[in-house]
Structure formats: C-alpha cells, structure tokens
Amino acid sequence: MKGSLFKFIIEPSKIAFLKFILEGYDHLAILTILDPHKGFCTISFYPKEKELVQEILQDFRVEFLEN
C-alpha cells in the first residue's frame, strides 16, 4: 500500500505537542521536521487515515503546502 504525505507549516512551539498527539493515536502518522525554526514539516500516513490526519492538522491551524 502506498502512503500519503502532507507538507505544512506549523507554529514551532506546537511541534512537540503535535508529535505527542500522533503518538497518542497509536502512531497514526510519521512526523518529519524539516526546519524546526520555521515549523516546516511533513507527515506520512496510510491513505485510509487521511481524514483523521487532516482533522488533527486543521485543529493545529497549520498552513498546508503543495506536495
């Protein structure tokens, strides 16, 4: 199964909390921090989890970037 990916910018002070939330969902997705000072990240997940991942990221008010 091919995974899905979102690129986004999040407030840097919220990165650790987002990682904690993802771990609480039994490692729902893999968060990769590309630039911790600017909050530039990617998140990888199974396609069937797309809606849940989007909902979580929207709660964090991230700025989605084009893939």
PDB file of N, CA and C in Angstrom:
ATOM      1  N   MET A   1       0.852  -1.178   0.000  1.00  0.00           N
ATOM      2  CA  MET A   1       0.000   0.000   0.000  1.00  0.00           C
ATOM      3  C   MET A   1       0.895   1.237   0.000  1.00  0.00           C
ATOM      4  N   LYS A   2       0.595   2.164  -0.875  1.00  0.00           N
ATOM      5  CA  LYS A   2       1.355   3.396  -0.966  1.00  0.00           C
ATOM      6  C   LYS A   2       0.877   4.379   0.097  1.00  0.00           C
ATOM      7  N   GLY A   3       1.819   5.050   0.747  1.00  0.00           N
ATOM      8  CA  GLY A   3       1.478   6.016   1.776  1.00  0.00           C
ATOM      9  C   GLY A   3       1.131   7.373   1.190  1.00  0.00           C
ATOM     10  N   SER A   4       0.574   8.217   2.029  1.00  0.00           N
ATOM     11  CA  SER A   4       0.227   9.585   1.647  1.00  0.00           C
ATOM     12  C   SER A   4       1.079  10.551   2.454  1.00  0.00           C
ATOM     13  N   LEU A   5       1.164  11.786   1.978  1.00  0.00           N
ATOM     14  CA  LEU A   5       2.045  12.767   2.594  1.00  0.00           C
ATOM     15  C   LEU A   5       1.419  14.155   2.517  1.00  0.00           C
ATOM     16  N   PHE A   6       1.554  14.912   3.598  1.00  0.00           N
ATOM     17  CA  PHE A   6       1.204  16.332   3.606  1.00  0.00           C
ATOM     18  C   PHE A   6       2.459  17.111   3.957  1.00  0.00           C
ATOM     19  N   LYS A   7       2.648  18.256   3.311  1.00  0.00           N
ATOM     20  CA  LYS A   7       3.679  19.218   3.688  1.00  0.00           C
ATOM     21  C   LYS A   7       2.951  20.402   4.300  1.00  0.00           C
ATOM     22  N   PHE A   8       3.496  20.936   5.385  1.00  0.00           N
ATOM     23  CA  PHE A   8       2.811  22.036   6.047  1.00  0.00           C
ATOM     24  C   PHE A   8       3.765  22.836   6.916  1.00  0.00           C
ATOM     25  N   ILE A   9       3.276  23.993   7.335  1.00  0.00           N
ATOM     26  CA  ILE A   9       3.995  24.841   8.280  1.00  0.00           C
ATOM     27  C   ILE A   9       3.124  24.965   9.519  1.00  0.00           C
ATOM     28  N   ILE A  10       3.745  24.761  10.670  1.00  0.00           N
ATOM     29  CA  ILE A  10       3.063  24.836  11.951  1.00  0.00           C
ATOM     30  C   ILE A  10       3.859  25.775  12.851  1.00  0.00           C
ATOM     31  N   GLU A  11       3.201  26.391  13.786  1.00  0.00           N
ATOM     32  CA  GLU A  11       3.903  27.228  14.752  1.00  0.00           C
ATOM     33  C   GLU A  11       4.934  26.346  15.467  1.00  0.00           C
ATOM     34  N   PRO A  12       6.219  26.722  15.441  1.00  0.00           N
ATOM     35  CA  PRO A  12       7.262  25.862  16.006  1.00  0.00           C
ATOM     36  C   PRO A  12       7.013  25.405  17.447  1.00  0.00           C
ATOM     37  N   SER A  13       6.389  26.237  18.243  1.00  0.00           N
ATOM     38  CA  SER A  13       6.137  25.858  19.640  1.00  0.00           C
ATOM     39  C   SER A  13       5.095  24.746  19.774  1.00  0.00           C
ATOM     40  N   LYS A  14       4.385  24.416  18.694  1.00  0.00           N
ATOM     41  CA  LYS A  14       3.350  23.380  18.732  1.00  0.00           C
ATOM     42  C   LYS A  14       3.821  22.034  18.175  1.00  0.00           C
ATOM     43  N   ILE A  15       5.044  21.965  17.673  1.00  0.00           N
ATOM     44  CA  ILE A  15       5.536  20.735  17.045  1.00  0.00           C
ATOM     45  C   ILE A  15       5.556  19.573  18.028  1.00  0.00           C
ATOM     46  N   ALA A  16       6.096  19.771  19.208  1.00  0.00           N
ATOM     47  CA  ALA A  16       6.191  18.681  20.189  1.00  0.00           C
ATOM     48  C   ALA A  16       4.805  18.184  20.590  1.00  0.00           C
ATOM     49  N   PHE A  17       3.858  19.092  20.749  1.00  0.00           N
ATOM     50  CA  PHE A  17       2.502  18.685  21.127  1.00  0.00           C
ATOM     51  C   PHE A  17       1.851  17.871  20.007  1.00  0.00           C
ATOM     52  N   LEU A  18       2.061  18.275  18.755  1.00  0.00           N
ATOM     53  CA  LEU A  18       1.527  17.507  17.628  1.00  0.00           C
ATOM     54  C   LEU A  18       2.108  16.095  17.627  1.00  0.00           C
ATOM     55  N   LYS A  19       3.403  15.984  17.846  1.00  0.00           N
ATOM     56  CA  LYS A  19       4.042  14.661  17.896  1.00  0.00           C
ATOM     57  C   LYS A  19       3.438  13.821  19.020  1.00  0.00           C
ATOM     58  N   PHE A  20       3.199  14.433  20.163  1.00  0.00           N
ATOM     59  CA  PHE A  20       2.585  13.752  21.302  1.00  0.00           C
ATOM     60  C   PHE A  20       1.181  13.253  20.944  1.00  0.00           C
ATOM     61  N   ILE A  21       0.395  14.074  20.266  1.00  0.00           N
ATOM     62  CA  ILE A  21      -0.964  13.685  19.853  1.00  0.00           C
ATOM     63  C   ILE A  21      -0.908  12.502  18.893  1.00  0.00           C
ATOM     64  N   LEU A  22      -0.006  12.543  17.928  1.00  0.00           N
ATOM     65  CA  LEU A  22       0.115  11.444  16.964  1.00  0.00           C
ATOM     66  C   LEU A  22       0.506  10.143  17.656  1.00  0.00           C
ATOM     67  N   GLU A  23       1.385  10.223  18.651  1.00  0.00           N
ATOM     68  CA  GLU A  23       1.760   9.032  19.413  1.00  0.00           C
ATOM     69  C   GLU A  23       0.569   8.508  20.210  1.00  0.00           C
ATOM     70  N   GLY A  24      -0.262   9.402  20.694  1.00  0.00           N
ATOM     71  CA  GLY A  24      -1.452   9.014  21.446  1.00  0.00           C
ATOM     72  C   GLY A  24      -2.474   8.279  20.596  1.00  0.00           C
ATOM     73  N   TYR A  25      -2.440   8.508  19.298  1.00  0.00           N
ATOM     74  CA  TYR A  25      -3.309   7.794  18.360  1.00  0.00           C
ATOM     75  C   TYR A  25      -2.611   6.529  17.861  1.00  0.00           C
ATOM     76  N   ASP A  26      -1.759   5.948  18.686  1.00  0.00           N
ATOM     77  CA  ASP A  26      -1.032   4.715  18.362  1.00  0.00           C
ATOM     78  C   ASP A  26      -0.195   4.890  17.101  1.00  0.00           C
ATOM     79  N   HIS A  27       0.584   5.975  17.085  1.00  0.00           N
ATOM     80  CA  HIS A  27       1.487   6.285  15.975  1.00  0.00           C
ATOM     81  C   HIS A  27       0.735   6.336  14.643  1.00  0.00           C
ATOM     82  N   LEU A  28      -0.292   7.153  14.631  1.00  0.00           N
ATOM     83  CA  LEU A  28      -1.159   7.343  13.466  1.00  0.00           C
ATOM     84  C   LEU A  28      -0.382   7.738  12.214  1.00  0.00           C
ATOM     85  N   ALA A  29       0.652   8.556  12.400  1.00  0.00           N
ATOM     86  CA  ALA A  29       1.413   9.077  11.268  1.00  0.00           C
ATOM     87  C   ALA A  29       2.849   9.333  11.701  1.00  0.00           C
ATOM     88  N   ILE A  30       3.706   9.532  10.714  1.00  0.00           N
ATOM     89  CA  ILE A  30       5.113   9.826  10.990  1.00  0.00           C
ATOM     90  C   ILE A  30       5.357  11.297  10.688  1.00  0.00           C
ATOM     91  N   LEU A  31       5.757  12.033  11.710  1.00  0.00           N
ATOM     92  CA  LEU A  31       6.044  13.457  11.580  1.00  0.00           C
ATOM     93  C   LEU A  31       7.533  13.633  11.324  1.00  0.00           C
ATOM     94  N   THR A  32       7.874  14.348  10.264  1.00  0.00           N
ATOM     95  CA  THR A  32       9.263  14.668   9.952  1.00  0.00           C
ATOM     96  C   THR A  32       9.409  16.179   9.993  1.00  0.00           C
ATOM     97  N   ILE A  33      10.326  16.648  10.812  1.00  0.00           N
ATOM     98  CA  ILE A  33      10.553  18.086  10.969  1.00  0.00           C
ATOM     99  C   ILE A  33      11.716  18.478  10.058  1.00  0.00           C
ATOM    100  N   LEU A  34      11.436  19.285   9.057  1.00  0.00           N
ATOM    101  CA  LEU A  34      12.452  19.681   8.088  1.00  0.00           C
ATOM    102  C   LEU A  34      13.170  20.959   8.500  1.00  0.00           C
ATOM    103  N   ASP A  35      12.465  21.887   9.121  1.00  0.00           N
ATOM    104  CA  ASP A  35      13.062  23.126   9.631  1.00  0.00           C
ATOM    105  C   ASP A  35      12.340  23.496  10.923  1.00  0.00           C
ATOM    106  N   PRO A  36      12.937  23.165  12.076  1.00  0.00           N
ATOM    107  CA  PRO A  36      12.252  23.405  13.345  1.00  0.00           C
ATOM    108  C   PRO A  36      12.051  24.886  13.676  1.00  0.00           C
ATOM    109  N   HIS A  37      12.894  25.743  13.151  1.00  0.00           N
ATOM    110  CA  HIS A  37      12.775  27.174  13.442  1.00  0.00           C
ATOM    111  C   HIS A  37      11.624  27.826  12.678  1.00  0.00           C
ATOM    112  N   LYS A  38      11.345  27.322  11.481  1.00  0.00           N
ATOM    113  CA  LYS A  38      10.243  27.847  10.667  1.00  0.00           C
ATOM    114  C   LYS A  38       8.979  27.011  10.793  1.00  0.00           C
ATOM    115  N   GLY A  39       9.085  25.825  11.412  1.00  0.00           N
ATOM    116  CA  GLY A  39       7.922  24.955  11.574  1.00  0.00           C
ATOM    117  C   GLY A  39       7.559  24.189  10.314  1.00  0.00           C
ATOM    118  N   PHE A  40       8.525  24.009   9.414  1.00  0.00           N
ATOM    119  CA  PHE A  40       8.284  23.295   8.155  1.00  0.00           C
ATOM    120  C   PHE A  40       8.387  21.797   8.407  1.00  0.00           C
ATOM    121  N   CYS A  41       7.289  21.066   8.141  1.00  0.00           N
ATOM    122  CA  CYS A  41       7.207  19.635   8.440  1.00  0.00           C
ATOM    123  C   CYS A  41       6.520  18.875   7.314  1.00  0.00           C
ATOM    124  N   THR A  42       6.701  17.555   7.358  1.00  0.00           N
ATOM    125  CA  THR A  42       5.902  16.658   6.536  1.00  0.00           C
ATOM    126  C   THR A  42       5.305  15.610   7.461  1.00  0.00           C
ATOM    127  N   ILE A  43       4.219  15.031   7.029  1.00  0.00           N
ATOM    128  CA  ILE A  43       3.580  13.973   7.799  1.00  0.00           C
ATOM    129  C   ILE A  43       3.182  12.869   6.821  1.00  0.00           C
ATOM    130  N   SER A  44       3.578  11.640   7.135  1.00  0.00           N
ATOM    131  CA  SER A  44       3.290  10.476   6.291  1.00  0.00           C
ATOM    132  C   SER A  44       2.292   9.576   7.002  1.00  0.00           C
ATOM    133  N   PHE A  45       1.364   9.020   6.226  1.00  0.00           N
ATOM    134  CA  PHE A  45       0.302   8.216   6.825  1.00  0.00           C
ATOM    135  C   PHE A  45      -0.306   7.311   5.762  1.00  0.00           C
ATOM    136  N   TYR A  46      -1.077   6.319   6.203  1.00  0.00           N
ATOM    137  CA  TYR A  46      -1.808   5.462   5.274  1.00  0.00           C
ATOM    138  C   TYR A  46      -3.004   6.231   4.717  1.00  0.00           C
ATOM    139  N   PRO A  47      -3.314   6.047   3.443  1.00  0.00           N
ATOM    140  CA  PRO A  47      -4.423   6.779   2.811  1.00  0.00           C
ATOM    141  C   PRO A  47      -5.752   6.661   3.555  1.00  0.00           C
ATOM    142  N   LYS A  48      -6.018   5.523   4.171  1.00  0.00           N
ATOM    143  CA  LYS A  48      -7.296   5.362   4.874  1.00  0.00           C
ATOM    144  C   LYS A  48      -7.405   6.270   6.101  1.00  0.00           C
ATOM    145  N   GLU A  49      -6.293   6.832   6.554  1.00  0.00           N
ATOM    146  CA  GLU A  49      -6.282   7.712   7.725  1.00  0.00           C
ATOM    147  C   GLU A  49      -6.283   9.195   7.348  1.00  0.00           C
ATOM    148  N   LYS A  50      -6.443   9.501   6.064  1.00  0.00           N
ATOM    149  CA  LYS A  50      -6.320  10.881   5.578  1.00  0.00           C
ATOM    150  C   LYS A  50      -7.262  11.851   6.290  1.00  0.00           C
ATOM    151  N   GLU A  51      -8.525  11.496   6.426  1.00  0.00           N
ATOM    152  CA  GLU A  51      -9.493  12.411   7.044  1.00  0.00           C
ATOM    153  C   GLU A  51      -9.130  12.723   8.488  1.00  0.00           C
ATOM    154  N   LEU A  52      -8.735  11.710   9.247  1.00  0.00           N
ATOM    155  CA  LEU A  52      -8.368  11.924  10.650  1.00  0.00           C
ATOM    156  C   LEU A  52      -7.118  12.791  10.760  1.00  0.00           C
ATOM    157  N   VAL A  53      -6.124  12.527   9.932  1.00  0.00           N
ATOM    158  CA  VAL A  53      -4.897  13.323   9.948  1.00  0.00           C
ATOM    159  C   VAL A  53      -5.206  14.774   9.578  1.00  0.00           C
ATOM    160  N   GLN A  54      -6.020  14.987   8.556  1.00  0.00           N
ATOM    161  CA  GLN A  54      -6.406  16.350   8.162  1.00  0.00           C
ATOM    162  C   GLN A  54      -7.124  17.067   9.300  1.00  0.00           C
ATOM    163  N   GLU A  55      -8.013  16.365   9.960  1.00  0.00           N
ATOM    164  CA  GLU A  55      -8.770  16.961  11.063  1.00  0.00           C
ATOM    165  C   GLU A  55      -7.834  17.395  12.189  1.00  0.00           C
ATOM    166  N   ILE A  56      -6.883  16.557  12.530  1.00  0.00           N
ATOM    167  CA  ILE A  56      -5.923  16.897  13.584  1.00  0.00           C
ATOM    168  C   ILE A  56      -5.099  18.111  13.174  1.00  0.00           C
ATOM    169  N   LEU A  57      -4.598  18.112  11.946  1.00  0.00           N
ATOM    170  CA  LEU A  57      -3.778  19.235  11.484  1.00  0.00           C
ATOM    171  C   LEU A  57      -4.586  20.529  11.418  1.00  0.00           C
ATOM    172  N   GLN A  58      -5.840  20.452  11.029  1.00  0.00           N
ATOM    173  CA  GLN A  58      -6.686  21.650  10.993  1.00  0.00           C
ATOM    174  C   GLN A  58      -6.895  22.211  12.395  1.00  0.00           C
ATOM    175  N   ASP A  59      -6.977  21.335  13.386  1.00  0.00           N
ATOM    176  CA  ASP A  59      -7.096  21.803  14.770  1.00  0.00           C
ATOM    177  C   ASP A  59      -5.860  22.584  15.203  1.00  0.00           C
ATOM    178  N   PHE A  60      -4.718  22.266  14.619  1.00  0.00           N
ATOM    179  CA  PHE A  60      -3.475  22.975  14.918  1.00  0.00           C
ATOM    180  C   PHE A  60      -3.297  24.209  14.037  1.00  0.00           C
ATOM    181  N   ARG A  61      -4.249  24.447  13.153  1.00  0.00           N
ATOM    182  CA  ARG A  61      -4.229  25.608  12.243  1.00  0.00           C
ATOM    183  C   ARG A  61      -2.925  25.687  11.443  1.00  0.00           C
ATOM    184  N   VAL A  62      -2.566  24.562  10.839  1.00  0.00           N
ATOM    185  CA  VAL A  62      -1.355  24.536  10.018  1.00  0.00           C
ATOM    186  C   VAL A  62      -1.627  25.182   8.669  1.00  0.00           C
ATOM    187  N   GLU A  63      -0.559  25.581   8.018  1.00  0.00           N
ATOM    188  CA  GLU A  63      -0.641  26.104   6.649  1.00  0.00           C
ATOM    189  C   GLU A  63      -0.194  24.980   5.724  1.00  0.00           C
ATOM    190  N   PHE A  64      -1.134  24.404   4.982  1.00  0.00           N
ATOM    191  CA  PHE A  64      -0.806  23.313   4.070  1.00  0.00           C
ATOM    192  C   PHE A  64      -0.046  23.859   2.865  1.00  0.00           C
ATOM    193  N   LEU A  65       0.963  23.117   2.431  1.00  0.00           N
ATOM    194  CA  LEU A  65       1.750  23.470   1.256  1.00  0.00           C
ATOM    195  C   LEU A  65       1.466  22.457   0.162  1.00  0.00           C
ATOM    196  N   GLU A  66       1.741  22.814  -1.067  1.00  0.00           N
ATOM    197  CA  GLU A  66       1.523  21.883  -2.177  1.00  0.00           C
ATOM    198  C   GLU A  66       2.568  20.786  -2.119  1.00  0.00           C
ATOM    199  N   ASN A  67       2.146  19.564  -2.437  1.00  0.00           N
ATOM    200  CA  ASN A  67       3.078  18.420  -2.415  1.00  0.00           C
ATOM    201  C   ASN A  67       3.985  18.411  -3.595  1.00  0.00           C
TER     202      ASN A  67
END
